[in-house]
Amino acid sequence: MGDVRNGIATRAGAMILAPVGWLANVFDAPLRMLQRRTGSNGMAVFFLAPNMLVFGIFVLFPLVINILYSMTGGGALFLGDRTFVGADQYGRLFSCGSYLDPKSCTEDLFWIAVWNTLTFVVLQVAMMVAVALVTALVLNRELRARSFWRAVFFFPVLLSPVVVGLIWRWILQRQGLLNLMVFEAGGTPVNWLVERNWAFVATIMVSVWAHVGFYALILLAGLQAIPKELYEAAEMDGTRPLRVFWRITLPLLAPNLLVVLVLTLIRAVQIFDEVYVLTGGGPGTSTLFLTQYIYEVGFASLLRNPGLASAASILMGAVLVVLTLIQLGIAKRNEQRGKTR
């Protein structure tokens, strides 16, 4: 009986593998011919070609189209129906009496969005790095149910930005959960999403809550890579905990902190989804950021101007490229340091 079963299994396996072998024979000869004619470089090009094709269709081609759009004017969506204006859209964005006073600019909303974005980036990045560091230090300690708490802090990262915005809009509304807690504690309820300053603070807090788990995980990995012998030696010497942090933990965690800093900067500049759902850029223009300005001008406004939106997106993309190059430089420097140790 066992021999019969083994025979059936062998035949089934042969039937399954037969098409695979046939495909291997079909492609074997052309691949060998390509390798003989072009060498190993040709083989690399052959296998990279599909990826490069996808990159060209979905990244390079839209980038070129976007640059062309930024050099045209009018409200038509199709590039062929638009008027070539050269660099006029960029000139319009930078036409200002004073860049510190958005009202003196031709495109005042653009500069309002720029300054809002810069303010958001500075405050959000500082808070994100600080909270992520504290969270990583706490989760690195010997705690009960440590895996559970790590999962709790990481869980918001798994949520869609739209879901995050909807959850916090429900919590922060006038009759929401947060105001209920404030009222029960004897305080005065606050219009979190109606008052300009509180709305801006709310966007920062929600963004930190949604993403801090990811950055804390990066820092936690760095903390666990620090040799325990260093802490044991410091404890034997009677070194104070604060001094241990400044002399051991922080210097050895610096590469991870730099990575977190750059990644947080890039994400903060690109913020859109949760803020758009949470406040819609309001009240007024207090939470209007650059990404929403591009969306509103390019698609949502009745007087849409795709060329102007494209020019603004090109400028924002240039900033992101600079930040990415900084990140790559940091990674390369850390790699070189690791090789020299």
Protein backbone atom coordinates (compact mmCIF):
# COMPACT_ATOMS: atom_id res chain seq x y z
CA MET A 1 0.00 0.00 0.00
CA GLY A 2 2.85 2.35 0.88
CA ASP A 3 4.58 1.64 -2.44
CA VAL A 4 1.38 2.53 -4.29
CA ARG A 5 1.10 5.83 -2.43
CA ASN A 6 4.75 6.65 -3.09
CA GLY A 7 4.24 5.87 -6.76
CA ILE A 8 1.21 8.14 -6.97
CA ALA A 9 3.08 10.96 -5.18
CA THR A 10 6.06 10.55 -7.53
CA ARG A 11 3.86 10.71 -10.63
CA ALA A 12 1.99 13.75 -9.28
CA GLY A 13 5.27 15.52 -8.56
CA ALA A 14 6.52 14.72 -12.05
CA MET A 15 3.33 16.10 -13.59
CA ILE A 16 3.67 19.33 -11.59
CA LEU A 17 7.36 19.80 -12.38
CA ALA A 18 7.04 18.92 -16.07
CA PRO A 19 5.85 22.41 -17.16
CA VAL A 20 8.65 23.98 -15.12
CA GLY A 21 11.24 21.84 -16.84
CA TRP A 22 9.72 22.61 -20.23
CA LEU A 23 9.90 26.36 -19.56
CA ALA A 24 13.50 26.01 -18.40
CA ASN A 25 14.41 24.25 -21.66
CA VAL A 26 12.60 26.89 -23.72
CA PHE A 27 14.47 29.82 -22.11
CA ASP A 28 17.80 28.06 -21.61
CA ALA A 29 19.04 28.35 -25.20
CA PRO A 30 18.20 32.07 -25.68
CA LEU A 31 19.74 32.95 -22.32
CA ARG A 32 22.94 31.07 -23.11
CA MET A 33 23.13 32.78 -26.52
CA LEU A 34 22.60 36.19 -24.90
CA GLN A 35 25.32 35.47 -22.35
CA ARG A 36 27.82 34.39 -25.05
CA ARG A 37 27.19 37.51 -27.15
CA THR A 38 26.97 40.17 -24.47
CA GLY A 39 28.72 38.66 -21.45
CA SER A 40 27.54 39.01 -17.85
CA ASN A 41 26.53 42.66 -18.37
CA GLY A 42 24.03 41.64 -20.99
CA MET A 43 22.50 39.11 -18.63
CA ALA A 44 22.18 41.79 -15.97
CA VAL A 45 20.46 44.10 -18.44
CA PHE A 46 18.09 41.29 -19.44
CA PHE A 47 16.94 40.71 -15.86
CA LEU A 48 16.83 44.42 -14.98
CA ALA A 49 14.84 45.36 -18.08
CA PRO A 50 11.36 44.61 -16.60
CA ASN A 51 12.11 46.69 -13.51
CA MET A 52 13.50 49.53 -15.59
CA LEU A 53 10.42 49.39 -17.82
CA VAL A 54 8.11 49.69 -14.80
CA PHE A 55 10.28 52.51 -13.42
CA GLY A 56 10.13 54.35 -16.72
CA ILE A 57 6.34 54.03 -17.06
CA PHE A 58 5.33 54.83 -13.49
CA VAL A 59 8.13 57.17 -12.31
CA LEU A 60 10.24 58.67 -15.08
CA PHE A 61 7.44 59.33 -17.58
CA PRO A 62 5.15 61.06 -15.02
CA LEU A 63 8.12 63.14 -13.84
CA VAL A 64 8.84 64.35 -17.37
CA ILE A 65 5.14 65.10 -17.95
CA ASN A 66 5.01 67.00 -14.66
CA ILE A 67 8.00 69.14 -15.67
CA LEU A 68 6.34 69.88 -19.01
CA TYR A 69 3.09 70.77 -17.24
CA SER A 70 4.98 73.23 -15.02
CA MET A 71 5.99 75.13 -18.17
CA THR A 72 2.43 75.54 -19.44
CA GLY A 73 -0.55 77.71 -18.50
CA GLY A 74 -4.32 77.57 -18.56
CA GLY A 75 -6.94 75.33 -16.99
CA ALA A 76 -6.98 72.54 -19.60
CA LEU A 77 -5.98 69.13 -18.29
CA PHE A 78 -4.52 67.68 -21.51
CA LEU A 79 -0.97 68.78 -22.22
CA GLY A 80 -1.64 69.30 -25.93
CA ASP A 81 -4.41 71.82 -25.16
CA ARG A 82 -2.22 73.97 -22.91
CA THR A 83 -0.13 77.05 -23.72
CA PHE A 84 3.64 77.01 -23.29
CA VAL A 85 4.72 79.76 -20.85
CA GLY A 86 8.27 78.70 -20.00
CA ALA A 87 9.29 79.48 -16.43
CA ASP A 88 6.40 81.90 -15.81
CA GLN A 89 4.76 79.57 -13.28
CA TYR A 90 7.95 79.46 -11.19
CA GLY A 91 8.25 83.24 -11.47
CA ARG A 92 4.67 83.57 -10.28
CA LEU A 93 5.39 81.44 -7.22
CA PHE A 94 8.43 83.54 -6.32
CA SER A 95 6.83 86.92 -7.09
CA CYS A 96 6.84 88.48 -3.61
CA GLY A 97 7.47 91.81 -1.97
CA SER A 98 8.74 89.93 1.08
CA TYR A 99 8.87 86.17 1.49
CA LEU A 100 8.20 86.65 5.20
CA ASP A 101 4.87 88.30 4.38
CA PRO A 102 2.72 85.95 2.27
CA LYS A 103 0.16 88.71 1.65
CA SER A 104 2.75 90.57 -0.43
CA CYS A 105 3.10 87.60 -2.81
CA THR A 106 1.20 86.98 -6.02
CA GLU A 107 0.48 83.44 -4.84
CA ASP A 108 -0.09 84.19 -1.17
CA LEU A 109 -1.59 80.74 -0.48
CA PHE A 110 1.61 79.09 -1.69
CA TRP A 111 3.73 80.97 0.83
CA ILE A 112 1.18 80.49 3.59
CA ALA A 113 1.44 76.76 2.87
CA VAL A 114 5.25 76.95 2.79
CA TRP A 115 5.50 78.67 6.17
CA ASN A 116 2.88 76.38 7.69
CA THR A 117 4.83 73.39 6.38
CA LEU A 118 8.15 74.69 7.73
CA THR A 119 6.63 75.35 11.14
CA PHE A 120 5.00 71.94 11.16
CA VAL A 121 8.24 70.22 10.11
CA VAL A 122 10.32 71.87 12.86
CA LEU A 123 7.82 71.20 15.66
CA GLN A 124 6.72 67.76 14.50
CA VAL A 125 10.24 66.47 13.87
CA ALA A 126 11.47 67.68 17.27
CA MET A 127 8.51 66.07 19.05
CA MET A 128 8.65 62.89 16.96
CA VAL A 129 12.35 62.26 17.64
CA ALA A 130 11.98 63.05 21.36
CA VAL A 131 8.91 60.84 21.85
CA ALA A 132 10.41 58.02 19.76
CA LEU A 133 13.61 58.13 21.83
CA VAL A 134 11.74 58.05 25.15
CA THR A 135 9.49 55.25 23.88
CA ALA A 136 12.48 53.20 22.73
CA LEU A 137 14.26 53.68 26.07
CA VAL A 138 11.17 52.54 27.97
CA LEU A 139 10.53 49.53 25.73
CA ASN A 140 14.18 48.51 26.02
CA ARG A 141 13.84 48.00 29.76
CA GLU A 142 12.87 44.74 31.41
CA LEU A 143 9.08 45.15 31.57
CA ARG A 144 6.26 42.74 32.10
CA ALA A 145 4.55 41.87 28.82
CA ARG A 146 7.20 43.82 26.94
CA SER A 147 6.21 42.30 23.60
CA PHE A 148 2.62 43.37 24.19
CA TRP A 149 3.61 47.00 24.84
CA ARG A 150 5.83 47.03 21.76
CA ALA A 151 2.88 45.85 19.69
CA VAL A 152 0.64 48.51 21.24
CA PHE A 153 3.02 51.32 20.32
CA PHE A 154 3.54 49.96 16.80
CA PHE A 155 -0.15 49.30 16.07
CA PRO A 156 -1.03 52.87 14.88
CA VAL A 157 1.61 52.54 12.14
CA LEU A 158 -0.52 49.80 10.56
CA LEU A 159 -3.58 52.04 10.28
CA SER A 160 -4.46 53.89 7.10
CA PRO A 161 -3.86 57.68 7.35
CA VAL A 162 -7.54 58.20 6.47
CA VAL A 163 -8.58 55.96 9.36
CA VAL A 164 -6.23 57.87 11.67
CA GLY A 165 -7.79 61.17 10.61
CA LEU A 166 -11.34 59.88 11.11
CA ILE A 167 -10.56 58.43 14.55
CA TRP A 168 -9.00 61.64 15.82
CA ARG A 169 -11.66 63.86 14.27
CA TRP A 170 -14.19 61.92 16.33
CA ILE A 171 -12.04 62.22 19.47
CA LEU A 172 -11.29 65.95 19.04
CA GLN A 173 -14.71 67.24 18.01
CA ARG A 174 -16.62 69.55 20.36
CA GLN A 175 -18.63 66.68 21.89
CA GLY A 176 -15.80 64.19 21.47
CA LEU A 177 -14.07 61.85 23.87
CA LEU A 178 -11.22 64.23 24.76
CA ASN A 179 -13.55 67.09 25.72
CA LEU A 180 -15.63 64.64 27.75
CA MET A 181 -12.52 63.71 29.72
CA VAL A 182 -11.61 67.39 30.17
CA PHE A 183 -15.12 68.17 31.41
CA GLU A 184 -15.12 65.23 33.83
CA ALA A 185 -11.78 66.47 35.21
CA GLY A 186 -13.33 69.89 35.91
CA GLY A 187 -11.79 71.71 32.94
CA THR A 188 -13.31 73.77 30.16
CA PRO A 189 -13.88 71.97 26.83
CA VAL A 190 -11.82 73.28 23.92
CA ASN A 191 -12.73 73.61 20.24
CA TRP A 192 -9.69 71.60 19.18
CA LEU A 193 -10.43 71.68 15.45
CA VAL A 194 -12.00 75.16 15.30
CA GLU A 195 -9.44 77.35 17.05
CA ARG A 196 -6.43 78.04 14.82
CA ASN A 197 -3.64 77.35 17.30
CA TRP A 198 -5.26 74.25 18.78
CA ALA A 199 -5.96 72.87 15.30
CA PHE A 200 -2.28 73.20 14.38
CA VAL A 201 -1.23 71.51 17.63
CA ALA A 202 -3.75 68.74 16.94
CA THR A 203 -2.18 67.97 13.55
CA ILE A 204 1.23 67.61 15.19
CA MET A 205 -0.07 65.38 17.98
CA VAL A 206 -2.01 63.13 15.60
CA SER A 207 0.96 62.77 13.26
CA VAL A 208 3.26 61.84 16.14
CA TRP A 209 0.76 59.31 17.49
CA ALA A 210 0.34 57.69 14.08
CA HIS A 211 4.02 57.25 13.21
CA VAL A 212 6.10 57.26 16.40
CA GLY A 213 5.98 53.46 16.69
CA PHE A 214 7.96 53.02 13.47
CA TYR A 215 10.75 55.37 14.52
CA ALA A 216 10.80 53.96 18.05
CA LEU A 217 11.39 50.53 16.50
CA ILE A 218 14.44 51.84 14.62
CA LEU A 219 15.86 53.36 17.81
CA LEU A 220 15.03 50.22 19.78
CA ALA A 221 17.07 48.17 17.32
CA GLY A 222 19.98 50.57 17.87
CA LEU A 223 19.66 50.30 21.65
CA GLN A 224 19.71 46.52 21.54
CA ALA A 225 22.87 46.60 19.43
CA ILE A 226 24.81 48.45 22.17
CA PRO A 227 27.03 45.94 24.06
CA LYS A 228 25.73 45.28 27.57
CA GLU A 229 29.31 45.09 28.83
CA LEU A 230 29.55 48.88 28.54
CA TYR A 231 26.60 49.36 30.89
CA GLU A 232 27.95 46.74 33.29
CA ALA A 233 31.33 48.50 33.42
CA ALA A 234 29.63 51.86 34.00
CA GLU A 235 27.54 50.36 36.81
CA MET A 236 30.65 48.92 38.47
CA ASP A 237 32.27 52.36 38.32
CA GLY A 238 29.22 53.89 39.99
CA THR A 239 28.39 56.14 37.01
CA ARG A 240 25.10 58.00 37.30
CA PRO A 241 22.31 56.94 34.89
CA LEU A 242 22.14 60.37 33.25
CA ARG A 243 25.87 60.34 32.60
CA VAL A 244 25.60 56.82 31.18
CA PHE A 245 22.96 58.09 28.77
CA TRP A 246 25.08 61.03 27.59
CA ARG A 247 28.39 59.15 27.45
CA ILE A 248 27.34 55.72 26.19
CA THR A 249 23.78 55.48 24.92
CA LEU A 250 23.48 58.71 22.94
CA PRO A 251 26.85 58.52 21.07
CA LEU A 252 26.30 54.88 20.06
CA LEU A 253 22.70 55.58 19.08
CA ALA A 254 23.66 58.61 16.94
CA PRO A 255 23.56 56.76 13.56
CA ASN A 256 20.02 55.53 14.23
CA LEU A 257 18.98 58.98 15.42
CA LEU A 258 20.27 60.53 12.19
CA VAL A 259 18.30 58.03 10.10
CA VAL A 260 15.16 58.72 12.14
CA LEU A 261 15.71 62.47 11.79
CA VAL A 262 15.97 62.38 8.00
CA LEU A 263 13.06 59.95 7.56
CA THR A 264 10.91 62.11 9.83
CA LEU A 265 11.82 65.22 7.85
CA ILE A 266 10.81 63.58 4.57
CA ARG A 267 7.51 62.30 5.97
CA ALA A 268 6.71 65.66 7.58
CA VAL A 269 7.20 67.53 4.31
CA GLN A 270 4.88 65.07 2.56
CA ILE A 271 2.11 65.18 5.19
CA PHE A 272 -1.35 65.20 3.62
CA ASP A 273 -3.85 62.40 4.25
CA GLU A 274 -4.52 62.54 7.97
CA VAL A 275 -4.39 66.35 8.09
CA TYR A 276 -6.77 66.69 5.13
CA VAL A 277 -9.26 64.33 6.78
CA LEU A 278 -8.77 65.90 10.22
CA THR A 279 -8.98 69.63 9.45
CA GLY A 280 -9.23 70.05 5.66
CA GLY A 281 -6.58 72.78 5.93
CA GLY A 282 -8.67 74.86 8.32
CA PRO A 283 -9.75 76.70 10.22
CA GLY A 284 -9.03 79.27 7.53
CA THR A 285 -5.56 78.42 6.24
CA SER A 286 -4.01 77.59 9.62
CA THR A 287 -3.28 73.96 8.68
CA LEU A 288 -2.87 74.41 4.93
CA PHE A 289 0.32 72.56 4.01
CA LEU A 290 2.22 72.42 0.74
CA THR A 291 0.85 69.04 -0.37
CA GLN A 292 -2.74 70.20 0.11
CA TYR A 293 -2.00 73.44 -1.75
CA ILE A 294 -0.76 71.40 -4.71
CA TYR A 295 -3.86 69.21 -4.60
CA GLU A 296 -6.26 72.15 -4.30
CA VAL A 297 -4.67 74.18 -7.10
CA GLY A 298 -4.21 71.21 -9.41
CA PHE A 299 -7.49 69.36 -8.98
CA ALA A 300 -10.00 70.64 -6.42
CA SER A 301 -10.26 74.37 -7.14
CA LEU A 302 -12.80 75.71 -9.62
CA LEU A 303 -10.01 77.91 -11.02
CA ARG A 304 -7.57 75.02 -11.21
CA ASN A 305 -4.11 75.61 -12.61
CA PRO A 306 -2.28 72.31 -13.21
CA GLY A 307 0.82 74.17 -14.38
CA LEU A 308 1.13 76.09 -11.13
CA ALA A 309 0.50 72.95 -9.09
CA SER A 310 3.15 71.10 -11.11
CA ALA A 311 5.68 73.88 -10.52
CA ALA A 312 5.00 73.76 -6.77
CA SER A 313 5.35 69.97 -6.77
CA ILE A 314 8.67 70.19 -8.63
CA LEU A 315 10.00 72.57 -5.98
CA MET A 316 8.82 70.27 -3.20
CA GLY A 317 10.34 67.30 -5.02
CA ALA A 318 13.69 69.13 -5.18
CA VAL A 319 13.59 69.58 -1.40
CA LEU A 320 12.83 65.87 -0.94
CA VAL A 321 15.71 64.92 -3.26
CA VAL A 322 18.10 66.98 -1.12
CA LEU A 323 16.82 65.29 2.04
CA THR A 324 17.16 61.87 0.39
CA LEU A 325 20.75 62.61 -0.67
CA ILE A 326 21.51 63.61 2.91
CA GLN A 327 20.07 60.30 4.11
CA LEU A 328 22.14 58.33 1.57
CA GLY A 329 25.26 60.26 2.61
CA ILE A 330 24.62 59.43 6.26
CA ALA A 331 24.08 55.76 5.44
CA LYS A 332 27.28 55.63 3.39
CA ARG A 333 29.28 57.31 6.14
CA ASN A 334 27.91 54.89 8.74
CA GLU A 335 28.80 51.97 6.48
CA GLN A 336 32.37 53.24 6.09
CA ARG A 337 32.66 53.69 9.85
CA GLY A 338 31.44 50.13 10.36
CA LYS A 339 34.13 48.79 8.00
CA THR A 340 36.94 50.70 9.74
CA ARG A 341 36.00 49.38 13.21
